[in-house]
Protein backbone atom coordinates (compact mmCIF):
# COMPACT_ATOMS: atom_id res chain seq x y z
CA UNK A 1 0.00 0.00 0.00
CA UNK A 2 2.94 2.28 0.61
CA UNK A 3 3.71 2.93 -3.06
CA UNK A 4 0.08 3.94 -3.66
CA UNK A 5 0.14 6.23 -0.62
CA UNK A 6 3.24 7.91 -1.90
CA UNK A 7 1.64 8.60 -5.26
CA UNK A 8 -0.88 10.71 -3.32
CA UNK A 9 1.82 12.29 -1.19
CA UNK A 10 3.69 13.56 -4.23
CA UNK A 11 0.47 14.96 -5.60
CA UNK A 12 0.10 17.01 -2.42
CA UNK A 13 3.66 18.47 -2.68
CA UNK A 14 3.88 21.29 -5.16
CA UNK A 15 34.49 6.56 0.25
CA UNK A 16 35.85 5.88 3.31
CA UNK A 17 35.28 2.18 2.62
CA UNK A 18 34.11 0.47 -0.54
CA UNK A 19 32.26 -2.83 -0.28
CA UNK A 20 31.55 -3.39 -3.95
CA UNK A 21 31.60 -4.00 -6.81
CA UNK A 22 27.86 -4.18 -7.40
CA UNK A 23 27.34 -2.67 -10.84
CA UNK A 24 25.71 -5.08 -13.25
CA UNK A 25 23.98 -7.13 -10.57
CA UNK A 26 20.83 -5.09 -10.94
CA UNK A 27 20.57 -3.15 -14.19
CA UNK A 28 16.98 -2.06 -14.86
CA UNK A 29 15.92 -1.13 -18.37
CA UNK A 30 15.74 2.66 -18.76
CA UNK A 31 14.12 4.97 -21.30
CA UNK A 32 15.58 7.96 -23.15
CA UNK A 33 14.90 10.23 -20.15
CA UNK A 34 16.83 7.94 -17.82
CA UNK A 35 13.76 6.57 -16.05
CA UNK A 36 13.14 2.91 -15.25
CA UNK A 37 10.80 1.22 -17.71
CA UNK A 38 7.71 -0.11 -15.92
CA UNK A 39 6.31 -3.10 -17.76
CA UNK A 40 3.32 -3.97 -15.61
CA UNK A 41 0.85 -2.51 -13.15
CA UNK A 42 1.17 -2.92 -9.35
CA UNK A 43 -1.48 -5.65 -9.44
CA UNK A 44 0.50 -7.52 -12.08
CA UNK A 45 3.67 -6.87 -10.06
CA UNK A 46 2.62 -9.06 -7.14
CA UNK A 47 2.07 -11.97 -9.49
CA UNK A 48 5.69 -12.07 -10.63
CA UNK A 49 8.78 -11.33 -8.60
CA UNK A 50 11.97 -11.03 -10.59
CA UNK A 51 15.59 -10.64 -9.57
CA UNK A 52 16.21 -7.33 -7.83
CA UNK A 53 12.63 -6.69 -6.79
CA UNK A 54 12.41 -6.75 -3.00
CA UNK A 55 8.71 -5.89 -2.58
CA UNK A 56 6.60 -9.02 -2.42
CA UNK A 57 3.08 -7.77 -1.88
CA UNK A 58 0.92 -4.76 -2.53
CA UNK A 59 -2.43 -4.44 -0.85
CA UNK A 60 -4.79 -1.58 0.01
CA UNK A 61 -7.76 -2.00 2.34
CA UNK A 62 -11.01 -1.20 0.56
CA UNK A 63 -11.92 2.46 1.00
CA UNK A 64 -8.58 3.29 2.63
CA UNK A 65 -8.15 6.55 0.68
CA UNK A 66 -11.81 7.46 0.39
CA UNK A 67 -11.49 10.55 2.59
CA UNK A 68 -8.77 11.94 0.31
CA UNK A 69 -10.52 11.46 -3.02
CA UNK A 70 -11.10 14.72 -4.90
CA UNK A 71 -8.91 16.85 -2.61
CA UNK A 72 -5.93 18.96 -3.63
CA UNK A 73 -3.11 20.93 -2.03
CA UNK A 74 -3.18 21.44 1.77
CA UNK A 75 -6.54 19.69 2.11
CA UNK A 76 -5.15 16.59 0.41
CA UNK A 77 -2.03 16.67 2.57
CA UNK A 78 -4.07 17.00 5.78
CA UNK A 79 -6.37 14.16 4.76
CA UNK A 80 -3.43 11.88 3.98
CA UNK A 81 -1.76 12.77 7.26
CA UNK A 82 -4.93 11.77 9.09
CA UNK A 83 -5.11 8.49 7.16
CA UNK A 84 -1.53 7.39 7.91
CA UNK A 85 -1.82 8.47 11.56
CA UNK A 86 -5.08 6.64 12.23
CA UNK A 87 -4.52 3.20 13.81
CA UNK A 88 -0.75 3.68 13.61
CA UNK A 89 1.12 1.06 15.64
CA UNK A 90 4.58 1.73 17.09
CA UNK A 91 7.22 -0.95 17.58
CA UNK A 92 10.42 -1.13 19.61
CA UNK A 93 13.80 -0.64 17.97
CA UNK A 94 14.66 -4.24 18.80
CA UNK A 95 11.58 -5.43 16.91
CA UNK A 96 12.84 -3.69 13.75
CA UNK A 97 15.33 -6.54 13.14
CA UNK A 98 12.51 -9.03 12.57
CA UNK A 99 10.45 -6.42 10.75
CA UNK A 100 13.22 -6.03 8.17
CA UNK A 101 13.88 -9.76 7.93
CA UNK A 102 10.35 -10.03 6.62
CA UNK A 103 9.87 -6.74 4.76
CA UNK A 104 13.25 -6.83 2.99
CA UNK A 105 13.43 -10.58 2.48
CA UNK A 106 15.28 -11.52 -0.71
CA UNK A 107 12.58 -12.78 -3.14
CA UNK A 108 14.86 -15.48 -4.52
CA UNK A 109 16.47 -16.56 -1.24
CA UNK A 110 14.39 -16.56 1.91
CA UNK A 111 17.53 -16.94 4.03
CA UNK A 112 18.71 -13.47 3.01
CA UNK A 113 17.67 -9.83 3.26
CA UNK A 114 17.88 -7.57 0.22
CA UNK A 115 20.20 -4.69 1.10
CA UNK A 116 19.31 -1.13 0.16
CA UNK A 117 21.99 0.91 -1.67
CA UNK A 118 24.31 -2.05 -2.49
CA UNK A 119 21.50 -4.16 -3.96
CA UNK A 120 22.73 -7.59 -2.97
CA UNK A 121 21.40 -10.32 -0.69
CA UNK A 122 22.97 -11.19 2.66
CA UNK A 123 22.25 -13.72 5.38
CA UNK A 124 19.40 -12.62 7.65
CA UNK A 125 21.38 -13.74 10.68
CA UNK A 126 24.63 -11.95 9.78
CA UNK A 127 24.09 -8.49 11.22
CA UNK A 128 26.76 -5.81 11.22
CA UNK A 129 29.21 -5.88 14.15
CA UNK A 130 32.34 -7.51 15.52
CA UNK A 131 31.17 -10.93 14.37
CA UNK A 132 30.71 -9.74 10.79
CA UNK A 133 31.90 -6.33 9.60
CA UNK A 134 30.30 -7.04 6.20
CA UNK A 135 26.87 -7.66 7.72
CA UNK A 136 23.67 -5.63 7.48
CA UNK A 137 22.02 -3.26 9.92
CA UNK A 138 18.93 -1.09 10.37
CA UNK A 139 19.08 1.94 8.11
CA UNK A 140 17.04 5.06 8.89
CA UNK A 141 16.38 6.42 5.40
CA UNK A 142 15.34 9.66 7.09
CA UNK A 143 18.56 10.17 9.07
CA UNK A 144 17.63 9.86 12.75
CA UNK A 145 19.75 12.89 13.65
CA UNK A 146 17.64 15.11 11.38
CA UNK A 147 15.04 15.90 14.00
CA UNK A 148 17.09 14.22 16.73
CA UNK A 149 14.51 11.47 17.34
CA UNK A 150 17.12 8.73 17.50
CA UNK A 151 15.71 5.24 17.87
CA UNK A 152 12.68 6.09 19.97
CA UNK A 153 9.40 4.38 19.17
CA UNK A 154 7.60 6.29 16.44
CA UNK A 155 9.82 8.01 13.87
CA UNK A 156 12.89 6.08 15.04
CA UNK A 157 11.24 2.73 14.33
CA UNK A 158 8.74 3.55 11.58
CA UNK A 159 8.86 0.68 9.10
CA UNK A 160 8.10 2.96 6.15
CA UNK A 161 11.66 4.32 6.29
CA UNK A 162 13.58 1.52 8.03
CA UNK A 163 15.51 -0.66 5.60
CA UNK A 164 18.05 -3.46 5.68
CA UNK A 165 21.35 -1.99 4.50
CA UNK A 166 24.96 -3.07 4.32
CA UNK A 167 26.56 -1.76 7.51
CA UNK A 168 29.56 -0.20 5.83
CA UNK A 169 27.52 1.50 3.14
CA UNK A 170 25.08 2.69 5.79
CA UNK A 171 27.98 4.34 7.64
CA UNK A 172 29.22 5.84 4.40
CA UNK A 173 25.81 7.40 3.73
CA UNK A 174 25.68 8.51 7.38
CA UNK A 175 23.31 11.47 7.85
CA UNK A 176 23.62 12.93 4.37
CA UNK A 177 20.78 14.25 2.26
CA UNK A 178 19.78 12.48 -0.93
CA UNK A 179 20.81 14.24 -4.13
CA UNK A 180 22.75 13.66 -7.32
CA UNK A 181 26.54 13.50 -7.01
CA UNK A 182 28.50 11.33 -9.45
CA UNK A 183 26.59 8.07 -9.79
CA UNK A 184 25.58 5.23 -7.47
CA UNK A 185 26.93 5.35 -3.91
CA UNK A 186 28.90 8.56 -4.36
CA UNK A 187 28.86 11.43 -1.90
CA UNK A 188 30.00 15.03 -1.74
CA UNK A 189 29.32 17.85 0.68
CA UNK A 190 26.05 17.00 2.38
CA UNK A 191 24.81 14.69 -0.41
CA UNK A 192 24.67 10.95 -1.02
CA UNK A 193 23.43 9.42 -4.28
CA UNK A 194 21.85 5.94 -4.21
CA UNK A 195 21.61 3.72 -7.32
CA UNK A 196 18.72 4.32 -9.72
CA UNK A 197 16.63 1.37 -8.57
CA UNK A 198 16.76 2.64 -4.97
CA UNK A 199 15.94 6.26 -5.76
CA UNK A 200 12.17 5.82 -5.88
CA UNK A 201 12.18 3.88 -2.60
CA UNK A 202 14.26 6.57 -0.93
CA UNK A 203 12.20 9.47 -2.24
CA UNK A 204 8.88 7.97 -1.16
CA UNK A 205 10.21 7.08 2.29
CA UNK A 206 11.38 10.65 2.84
CA UNK A 207 8.11 12.19 1.65
CA UNK A 208 6.11 9.79 3.82
CA UNK A 209 8.11 10.76 6.92
CA UNK A 210 7.55 14.46 6.28
CA UNK A 211 3.83 13.77 6.13
CA UNK A 212 3.45 11.34 9.04
CA UNK A 213 5.71 13.11 11.54
CA UNK A 214 5.25 16.75 10.56
CA UNK A 215 3.06 17.57 13.54
CA UNK A 216 4.91 15.82 16.36
CA UNK A 217 8.49 16.40 15.15
CA UNK A 218 8.10 19.17 12.56
CA UNK A 219 9.77 17.02 9.89
CA UNK A 220 9.80 18.64 6.46
CA UNK A 221 11.60 18.40 3.12
CA UNK A 222 13.49 21.25 1.47
CA UNK A 223 16.27 21.80 -1.07
CA UNK A 224 19.14 22.41 1.34
CA UNK A 225 22.18 20.21 1.88
CA UNK A 226 22.85 20.89 5.58
CA UNK A 227 23.43 17.90 7.88
CA UNK A 228 22.80 19.34 11.34
CA UNK A 229 19.99 18.28 13.70
CA UNK A 230 17.34 20.41 12.01
CA UNK A 231 14.14 18.38 11.43
CA UNK A 232 14.48 18.42 7.66
CA UNK A 233 15.85 16.38 4.76
CA UNK A 234 16.65 17.14 1.16
CA UNK A 235 16.70 17.68 -1.62
CA UNK A 236 13.09 18.13 -2.58
CA UNK A 237 13.57 18.78 -6.29
CA UNK A 238 15.77 15.69 -6.64
CA UNK A 239 13.36 13.49 -4.69
CA UNK A 240 10.41 14.54 -6.82
CA UNK A 241 12.39 13.70 -9.94
CA UNK A 242 13.55 10.35 -8.53
CA UNK A 243 9.95 9.39 -7.81
CA UNK A 244 9.26 9.71 -11.55
CA UNK A 245 12.49 7.99 -12.65
CA UNK A 246 11.90 4.99 -10.40
CA UNK A 247 8.09 4.65 -10.04
């Protein structure tokens, strides 16, 4: 349901260590504008999972968006905020491990998670730490220091922006904003650029967070590149474009 929600959200918004190589493992077909070619609808998507596609199900409760139908601008945004806040359930940070083992399960190998940014599978039990410095950990797509909410229940454990990610690449991304630099997994200034097939995921996670947690934590998206504790992330223009490139 998340990808459908984020369609509405966008409508309401006017190397310190390399762990590769990864290029060529996931190479989506692109069009002349550089966008990923979508060959089937979301309903068709759930009927066929191919290599590199980590989402396994799409489902929307009947009438879920009814209160937002026909609205525009601030009214649409407010209605969507009410929808995603209603019946929201918080989980502990410890629970996020199992959440990601299920949500980011590798579609071709149920013993692995599919890692954001590096786009490879890795054992679900091999988490990042002294036992395995190549393992995966819990990535906050909206950097937890941007708003200083840390790992507290709510924004710090919200499954719509928590992802399984290679620990080293996660550290490399750190608290940077998302914007174009010089290709996949490059960074400069306050920016980090993910690979094309992660850009849509990243953009929709960021926009969701700015909608869901705007009231309690004043989270918002802008076009700055600062990396302090301000409750904001960027860059808005890039994220809007990435949503179109990677639908």
